[in-house]
């Protein structure tokens, strides 16, 4: 398909970025107060013959080891139990989680188990990257899928080999978090120099210092704002941090168009604007076909029967379709106009990318 873009050489001022007040709580995270990933290996029991087969030998080894701790001596080679499945258990330990806090866990089969529906995860320790156990998981699984039928006549919906246990883990050791102290380090969720400067300015306006004393907040870099806790808040750092989180800061929201070329998906906002453009959209298709004709010789002649190829070439060019948009038109209007002339999602993607290259699209393009 031939796609031509004719862009007018007209120039208009770029519209001002949309600034909206947003709470600091939604823009930063306190350094040292972060999530920690937990991982564990365990067994799911109580499956109705849908567990691991003999090919997954480590599930029977795990069962034999567990039974040995309970005083039951068994030989792993002689065990054939299809009601168990070896699984990996994952969870996220939130910051400042205390002893006794309950966590949701995700359980996924790692062997050849067909279905975890109806299974129960037995006690499984969950470790962080440092090898320390921070939680213990156990409980009945809830799967988001199922398997109906058996053998050749069956139907599977979603993923029955992955399940969740709500509140299935109990924290046994406090999360390794750094509580607010005399110096706070606020990490911006997205590095932005103007945002860092505005956050530090808002904090200094909220907590002004006497003349001659340095301000309590400063932007160390586009991704970090350092704050010194005032003397009157010593011992009340959490309260001081909560006041900072409630501050509203005007943040520039950059216009963005997100494109997924693999699926032909385009995500955009209606406020994304364009410069004056004119688009010519047409298509040219060429069809080449070959047919074979049999040539027979005259009767009683010395000739041979031969097959002669006949090549035909057909050219079809659709009439070009054009659209024209004025100054300040939005991308939503462009997409609607392109749909009216029969453009596909991939045509829209190609047009948007060319518009960005030509400087006619007032937005940032992110390709997934």
Protein backbone atom coordinates (compact mmCIF):
# COMPACT_ATOMS: atom_id res chain seq x y z
CA UNK A 1 0.00 0.00 0.00
CA UNK A 2 1.32 3.39 -0.97
CA UNK A 3 1.02 6.04 1.74
CA UNK A 4 1.93 9.67 0.99
CA UNK A 5 1.83 12.55 3.44
CA UNK A 6 1.91 16.12 2.14
CA UNK A 7 2.57 18.52 5.03
CA UNK A 8 1.95 22.22 4.64
CA UNK A 9 4.89 24.43 5.64
CA UNK A 10 2.76 26.52 7.99
CA UNK A 11 4.01 27.13 11.51
CA UNK A 12 1.99 27.90 14.60
CA UNK A 13 3.14 28.32 18.21
CA UNK A 14 3.17 25.12 20.25
CA UNK A 15 0.34 25.07 22.80
CA UNK A 16 1.34 25.35 26.44
CA UNK A 17 1.63 22.13 28.34
CA UNK A 18 -1.33 21.28 30.52
CA UNK A 19 -0.41 21.99 34.16
CA UNK A 20 -2.59 20.50 36.86
CA UNK A 21 -2.00 20.50 40.63
CA UNK A 22 -1.14 17.01 41.87
CA UNK A 23 -0.37 15.90 45.38
CA UNK A 24 3.26 15.24 46.15
CA UNK A 25 2.15 11.83 47.44
CA UNK A 26 1.42 10.78 43.85
CA UNK A 27 4.76 12.01 42.52
CA UNK A 28 7.40 10.78 44.96
CA UNK A 29 8.37 7.84 47.12
CA UNK A 30 10.39 7.99 50.33
CA UNK A 31 13.84 6.49 49.88
CA UNK A 32 14.12 3.25 51.81
CA UNK A 33 10.34 2.72 51.91
CA UNK A 34 9.86 0.30 49.04
CA UNK A 35 8.37 -3.08 48.22
CA UNK A 36 10.40 -6.27 48.46
CA UNK A 37 9.81 -9.37 46.36
CA UNK A 38 9.46 -12.71 48.11
CA UNK A 39 9.89 -16.16 46.59
CA UNK A 40 9.37 -19.69 47.84
CA UNK A 41 9.16 -23.31 46.70
CA UNK A 42 6.31 -25.45 47.96
CA UNK A 43 3.82 -28.23 47.35
CA UNK A 44 0.12 -28.09 46.51
CA UNK A 45 -1.82 -31.13 47.75
CA UNK A 46 -5.39 -32.35 47.38
CA UNK A 47 -5.50 -32.35 43.58
CA UNK A 48 -7.89 -34.77 41.92
CA UNK A 49 -5.33 -36.71 39.91
CA UNK A 50 -4.21 -33.57 38.01
CA UNK A 51 -0.89 -33.14 39.78
CA UNK A 52 2.66 -33.89 38.65
CA UNK A 53 3.42 -37.13 36.81
CA UNK A 54 6.47 -39.32 37.24
CA UNK A 55 8.47 -37.08 34.86
CA UNK A 56 8.50 -34.38 37.54
CA UNK A 57 10.63 -36.29 40.03
CA UNK A 58 11.42 -33.37 42.35
CA UNK A 59 7.81 -33.14 43.60
CA UNK A 60 8.00 -36.68 45.00
CA UNK A 61 11.44 -35.91 46.47
CA UNK A 62 9.95 -32.87 48.23
CA UNK A 63 7.06 -34.96 49.54
CA UNK A 64 9.45 -37.62 50.85
CA UNK A 65 11.59 -34.97 52.56
CA UNK A 66 8.53 -33.43 54.22
CA UNK A 67 7.25 -36.80 55.39
CA UNK A 68 10.70 -37.67 56.79
CA UNK A 69 10.57 -34.55 58.98
CA UNK A 70 7.25 -35.86 60.32
CA UNK A 71 8.74 -39.23 61.16
CA UNK A 72 7.57 -41.14 58.08
CA UNK A 73 10.32 -42.97 56.18
CA UNK A 74 9.57 -43.43 52.46
CA UNK A 75 11.60 -44.05 49.32
CA UNK A 76 11.03 -41.26 46.74
CA UNK A 77 11.52 -43.73 43.88
CA UNK A 78 8.59 -45.85 45.07
CA UNK A 79 6.20 -42.92 45.44
CA UNK A 80 3.57 -42.39 42.75
CA UNK A 81 1.24 -39.67 43.95
CA UNK A 82 -0.67 -37.63 41.37
CA UNK A 83 -2.48 -35.44 43.86
CA UNK A 84 0.50 -33.17 44.52
CA UNK A 85 2.21 -30.49 42.43
CA UNK A 86 5.47 -28.64 42.87
CA UNK A 87 4.90 -24.87 42.73
CA UNK A 88 6.69 -21.56 43.01
CA UNK A 89 5.12 -19.06 45.39
CA UNK A 90 5.57 -15.30 44.98
CA UNK A 91 4.47 -12.34 47.08
CA UNK A 92 5.25 -8.66 47.57
CA UNK A 93 6.30 -7.43 51.00
CA UNK A 94 5.14 -3.81 51.37
CA UNK A 95 7.25 -1.23 53.23
CA UNK A 96 6.86 -1.09 57.01
CA UNK A 97 4.99 -4.43 57.06
CA UNK A 98 4.87 -5.63 60.68
CA UNK A 99 4.99 -9.07 62.22
CA UNK A 100 1.55 -10.63 61.66
CA UNK A 101 0.61 -8.67 58.55
CA UNK A 102 -1.15 -10.82 55.94
CA UNK A 103 -0.16 -10.85 52.28
CA UNK A 104 -1.74 -12.15 49.08
CA UNK A 105 0.33 -14.76 47.28
CA UNK A 106 0.48 -16.19 43.76
CA UNK A 107 1.10 -19.89 43.17
CA UNK A 108 2.29 -21.31 39.82
CA UNK A 109 3.02 -24.91 38.84
CA UNK A 110 6.58 -25.64 37.72
CA UNK A 111 6.12 -29.30 36.78
CA UNK A 112 3.68 -31.03 34.44
CA UNK A 113 0.61 -30.63 36.62
CA UNK A 114 -2.49 -30.01 34.52
CA UNK A 115 -4.71 -28.24 37.01
CA UNK A 116 -4.30 -26.72 40.49
CA UNK A 117 -8.03 -26.33 41.05
CA UNK A 118 -9.11 -27.41 44.53
CA UNK A 119 -5.54 -27.70 45.81
CA UNK A 120 -4.15 -26.51 49.13
CA UNK A 121 -0.70 -24.99 49.48
CA UNK A 122 1.10 -26.43 52.48
CA UNK A 123 3.35 -24.34 54.68
CA UNK A 124 5.94 -22.61 52.50
CA UNK A 125 8.63 -20.16 53.69
CA UNK A 126 9.03 -17.05 51.54
CA UNK A 127 12.51 -15.53 51.22
CA UNK A 128 13.79 -12.19 49.98
CA UNK A 129 16.84 -11.68 47.75
CA UNK A 130 19.09 -11.75 50.82
CA UNK A 131 17.93 -15.29 51.65
CA UNK A 132 16.11 -14.30 54.82
CA UNK A 133 12.61 -15.66 55.50
CA UNK A 134 10.11 -12.82 55.91
CA UNK A 135 6.79 -14.66 55.57
CA UNK A 136 5.20 -18.10 55.61
CA UNK A 137 2.44 -19.05 53.16
CA UNK A 138 -0.33 -21.63 53.36
CA UNK A 139 -3.95 -21.96 52.29
CA UNK A 140 -6.48 -23.06 49.62
CA UNK A 141 -5.95 -21.90 46.05
CA UNK A 142 -8.37 -19.93 43.90
CA UNK A 143 -7.65 -20.46 40.21
CA UNK A 144 -8.80 -18.19 37.40
CA UNK A 145 -9.40 -21.10 35.01
CA UNK A 146 -10.63 -24.66 34.80
CA UNK A 147 -10.37 -27.84 32.75
CA UNK A 148 -13.53 -29.70 31.73
CA UNK A 149 -13.54 -33.25 30.35
CA UNK A 150 -10.63 -35.65 30.10
CA UNK A 151 -8.14 -37.02 27.63
CA UNK A 152 -8.93 -36.06 24.03
CA UNK A 153 -12.32 -34.54 24.84
CA UNK A 154 -11.51 -31.61 27.13
CA UNK A 155 -11.68 -27.84 27.21
CA UNK A 156 -9.38 -25.47 29.07
CA UNK A 157 -10.29 -21.92 30.10
CA UNK A 158 -7.64 -19.37 31.11
CA UNK A 159 -4.66 -20.74 33.10
CA UNK A 160 -5.64 -23.43 35.63
CA UNK A 161 -1.98 -23.95 36.57
CA UNK A 162 -1.79 -20.54 38.30
CA UNK A 163 -3.74 -19.61 41.40
CA UNK A 164 -3.89 -17.11 44.25
CA UNK A 165 -4.36 -17.34 47.98
CA UNK A 166 -5.92 -14.21 49.44
CA UNK A 167 -4.22 -13.33 52.75
CA UNK A 168 -2.34 -16.58 52.32
CA UNK A 169 0.96 -15.44 53.86
CA UNK A 170 1.75 -14.14 57.32
CA UNK A 171 4.72 -11.82 57.85
CA UNK A 172 7.14 -13.32 60.39
CA UNK A 173 9.79 -10.60 60.27
CA UNK A 174 9.41 -6.82 59.90
CA UNK A 175 10.07 -5.42 56.44
CA UNK A 176 13.55 -3.88 55.98
CA UNK A 177 12.38 -0.27 55.64
CA UNK A 178 14.04 3.02 56.59
CA UNK A 179 11.73 5.24 58.66
CA UNK A 180 11.72 9.02 58.11
CA UNK A 181 14.52 10.71 60.03
CA UNK A 182 16.32 14.04 60.24
CA UNK A 183 16.88 13.98 56.47
CA UNK A 184 14.26 12.86 53.97
CA UNK A 185 15.06 11.83 50.43
CA UNK A 186 12.09 12.02 48.10
CA UNK A 187 12.54 9.97 44.93
CA UNK A 188 10.48 11.13 41.97
CA UNK A 189 8.58 8.31 40.31
CA UNK A 190 9.51 9.88 36.98
CA UNK A 191 12.60 12.05 36.70
CA UNK A 192 11.68 15.63 35.76
CA UNK A 193 13.78 18.72 36.50
CA UNK A 194 10.82 21.12 36.59
CA UNK A 195 8.81 18.79 38.82
CA UNK A 196 11.71 18.42 41.26
CA UNK A 197 12.16 22.20 41.41
CA UNK A 198 8.43 22.80 41.97
CA UNK A 199 8.23 20.20 44.73
CA UNK A 200 11.17 21.73 46.61
CA UNK A 201 9.70 25.24 46.15
CA UNK A 202 6.31 24.09 47.49
CA UNK A 203 7.95 22.55 50.57
CA UNK A 204 9.95 25.73 51.22
CA UNK A 205 6.80 27.85 50.97
CA UNK A 206 4.98 25.55 53.37
CA UNK A 207 7.84 25.52 55.89
CA UNK A 208 9.68 28.87 55.53
CA UNK A 209 12.94 29.44 57.39
CA UNK A 210 13.97 32.65 59.14
CA UNK A 211 16.05 35.10 57.15
CA UNK A 212 19.64 33.98 56.81
CA UNK A 213 18.91 30.30 57.26
CA UNK A 214 19.02 27.88 54.30
CA UNK A 215 15.81 26.41 52.93
CA UNK A 216 14.91 22.95 54.15
CA UNK A 217 14.28 21.48 50.67
CA UNK A 218 16.42 21.39 47.55
CA UNK A 219 16.41 19.47 44.27
CA UNK A 220 19.58 17.36 44.28
CA UNK A 221 18.90 16.14 40.73
CA UNK A 222 15.88 15.64 38.43
CA UNK A 223 14.94 12.46 40.33
CA UNK A 224 15.69 13.39 43.96
CA UNK A 225 14.56 16.09 46.40
CA UNK A 226 16.31 16.25 49.79
CA UNK A 227 14.46 17.68 52.79
CA UNK A 228 15.85 18.51 56.23
CA UNK A 229 13.33 17.89 59.01
CA UNK A 230 12.70 21.15 60.95
CA UNK A 231 13.60 21.22 64.60
CA UNK A 232 9.96 21.51 65.67
CA UNK A 233 9.20 18.17 63.94
CA UNK A 234 12.06 16.16 65.46
CA UNK A 235 10.53 12.97 66.81
CA UNK A 236 7.46 13.56 64.62
CA UNK A 237 9.02 12.79 61.25
CA UNK A 238 6.05 10.72 60.07
CA UNK A 239 3.69 13.63 60.73
CA UNK A 240 6.08 15.97 58.88
CA UNK A 241 6.24 13.63 55.90
CA UNK A 242 2.43 13.39 55.78
CA UNK A 243 2.21 17.18 55.53
CA UNK A 244 4.63 17.13 52.62
CA UNK A 245 2.60 14.42 50.86
CA UNK A 246 -0.56 16.58 51.03
CA UNK A 247 1.07 19.52 49.22
CA UNK A 248 -0.33 20.22 45.72
CA UNK A 249 2.19 20.95 42.97
CA UNK A 250 1.38 22.01 39.37
CA UNK A 251 2.86 19.39 37.06
CA UNK A 252 3.13 19.52 33.28
CA UNK A 253 1.38 16.59 31.69
CA UNK A 254 3.07 15.98 28.37
CA UNK A 255 0.84 14.87 25.54
CA UNK A 256 1.65 11.30 24.58
CA UNK A 257 0.58 8.82 21.93
CA UNK A 258 1.23 5.15 22.77
CA UNK A 259 1.53 2.74 19.84
CA UNK A 260 1.68 -1.05 19.88
CA UNK A 261 2.70 -2.06 16.37
CA UNK A 262 2.42 -5.78 17.12
CA UNK A 263 -1.31 -5.56 17.76
CA UNK A 264 -2.12 -2.41 15.78
CA UNK A 265 -3.28 -0.58 18.91
CA UNK A 266 -3.14 3.23 19.27
CA UNK A 267 -3.79 4.95 22.62
CA UNK A 268 -4.11 8.71 22.55
CA UNK A 269 -5.75 11.65 24.25
CA UNK A 270 -8.20 14.02 22.66
CA UNK A 271 -6.10 17.03 23.69
CA UNK A 272 -3.17 16.05 21.44
CA UNK A 273 -3.03 18.70 18.72
CA UNK A 274 -1.62 18.93 15.22
CA UNK A 275 -0.20 21.59 12.95
CA UNK A 276 -2.10 22.32 9.71
CA UNK A 277 -1.73 19.26 7.49
CA UNK A 278 -2.99 17.77 4.27
CA UNK A 279 -2.90 13.99 3.82
CA UNK A 280 -3.11 12.08 0.54
CA UNK A 281 -3.95 8.42 0.98
CA UNK A 282 -4.08 6.00 -1.93
CA UNK A 283 -3.28 2.40 -2.77
CA UNK A 284 -1.71 0.56 -5.66
CA UNK A 285 -2.09 -3.20 -6.07
CA UNK A 286 -0.39 -5.39 -8.67
CA UNK A 287 -1.60 -8.94 -9.31
CA UNK A 288 0.59 -11.34 -11.31
CA UNK A 289 -0.93 -14.73 -12.19
CA UNK A 290 0.35 -17.65 -14.22
CA UNK A 291 -1.83 -20.21 -16.02
CA UNK A 292 -0.70 -23.30 -17.94
CA UNK A 293 -2.11 -24.19 -21.39
CA UNK A 294 -1.61 -27.63 -22.95
CA UNK A 295 -0.57 -27.63 -26.63
CA UNK A 296 -1.49 -30.79 -28.59
CA UNK A 297 0.31 -31.71 -31.92
CA UNK A 298 -1.52 -32.51 -35.16
CA UNK A 299 -2.66 -36.15 -35.64
CA UNK A 300 0.01 -38.48 -37.12
CA UNK A 301 2.61 -35.74 -36.76
CA UNK A 302 5.99 -36.07 -35.11
CA UNK A 303 5.20 -33.30 -32.60
CA UNK A 304 5.01 -33.56 -28.82
CA UNK A 305 2.46 -32.49 -26.28
CA UNK A 306 3.79 -29.48 -24.37
CA UNK A 307 2.56 -27.27 -21.56
CA UNK A 308 2.91 -23.56 -22.25
CA UNK A 309 2.74 -21.07 -19.33
CA UNK A 310 0.61 -17.96 -19.86
CA UNK A 311 1.53 -15.02 -17.60
CA UNK A 312 -1.01 -12.26 -16.96
CA UNK A 313 -0.36 -8.98 -15.17
CA UNK A 314 -3.15 -6.87 -13.69
CA UNK A 315 -2.67 -3.46 -12.14
CA UNK A 316 -5.28 -1.74 -10.00
CA UNK A 317 -4.87 1.65 -8.41
CA UNK A 318 -7.59 3.05 -6.22
CA UNK A 319 -8.46 6.69 -6.41
CA UNK A 320 -6.48 8.71 -3.90
CA UNK A 321 -8.43 9.91 -0.88
CA UNK A 322 -7.41 13.08 0.88
CA UNK A 323 -8.29 14.85 4.11
CA UNK A 324 -7.40 18.31 5.33
CA UNK A 325 -7.26 19.51 8.92
CA UNK A 326 -6.87 23.07 10.15
CA UNK A 327 -4.68 24.54 12.86
CA UNK A 328 -5.21 23.15 16.34
CA UNK A 329 -6.96 19.98 15.16
CA UNK A 330 -6.71 17.09 17.60
CA UNK A 331 -5.40 13.62 16.94
CA UNK A 332 -8.87 12.31 17.71
CA UNK A 333 -10.24 14.34 14.79
CA UNK A 334 -7.44 13.00 12.59
CA UNK A 335 -8.23 9.40 13.49
CA UNK A 336 -11.93 9.92 12.83
CA UNK A 337 -11.14 11.43 9.43
CA UNK A 338 -8.79 8.56 8.56
CA UNK A 339 -11.48 6.03 9.50
CA UNK A 340 -13.88 7.73 7.10
CA UNK A 341 -11.51 7.20 4.16
CA UNK A 342 -11.00 3.55 5.06
CA UNK A 343 -7.61 3.64 6.79
CA UNK A 344 -6.70 0.69 8.98
CA UNK A 345 -5.09 0.82 12.41
CA UNK A 346 -1.66 0.20 10.88
CA UNK A 347 -2.24 3.05 8.41
CA UNK A 348 -2.98 5.33 11.37
CA UNK A 349 0.23 4.20 13.09
CA UNK A 350 2.30 4.93 9.98
CA UNK A 351 0.70 8.35 9.57
CA UNK A 352 1.25 9.33 13.22
CA UNK A 353 4.90 8.29 13.09
CA UNK A 354 5.45 10.31 9.90
CA UNK A 355 3.67 13.31 11.40
CA UNK A 356 6.01 13.17 14.41
CA UNK A 357 9.06 13.00 12.14
CA UNK A 358 7.80 16.01 10.17
CA UNK A 359 7.15 18.02 13.36
CA UNK A 360 3.41 18.28 12.81
CA UNK A 361 2.40 16.20 15.87
CA UNK A 362 2.40 18.07 19.18
CA UNK A 363 2.96 14.97 21.33
CA UNK A 364 5.51 12.39 22.34
CA UNK A 365 5.22 8.97 20.69
CA UNK A 366 5.98 5.86 22.70
CA UNK A 367 6.21 2.58 20.78
CA UNK A 368 5.67 -0.61 22.80
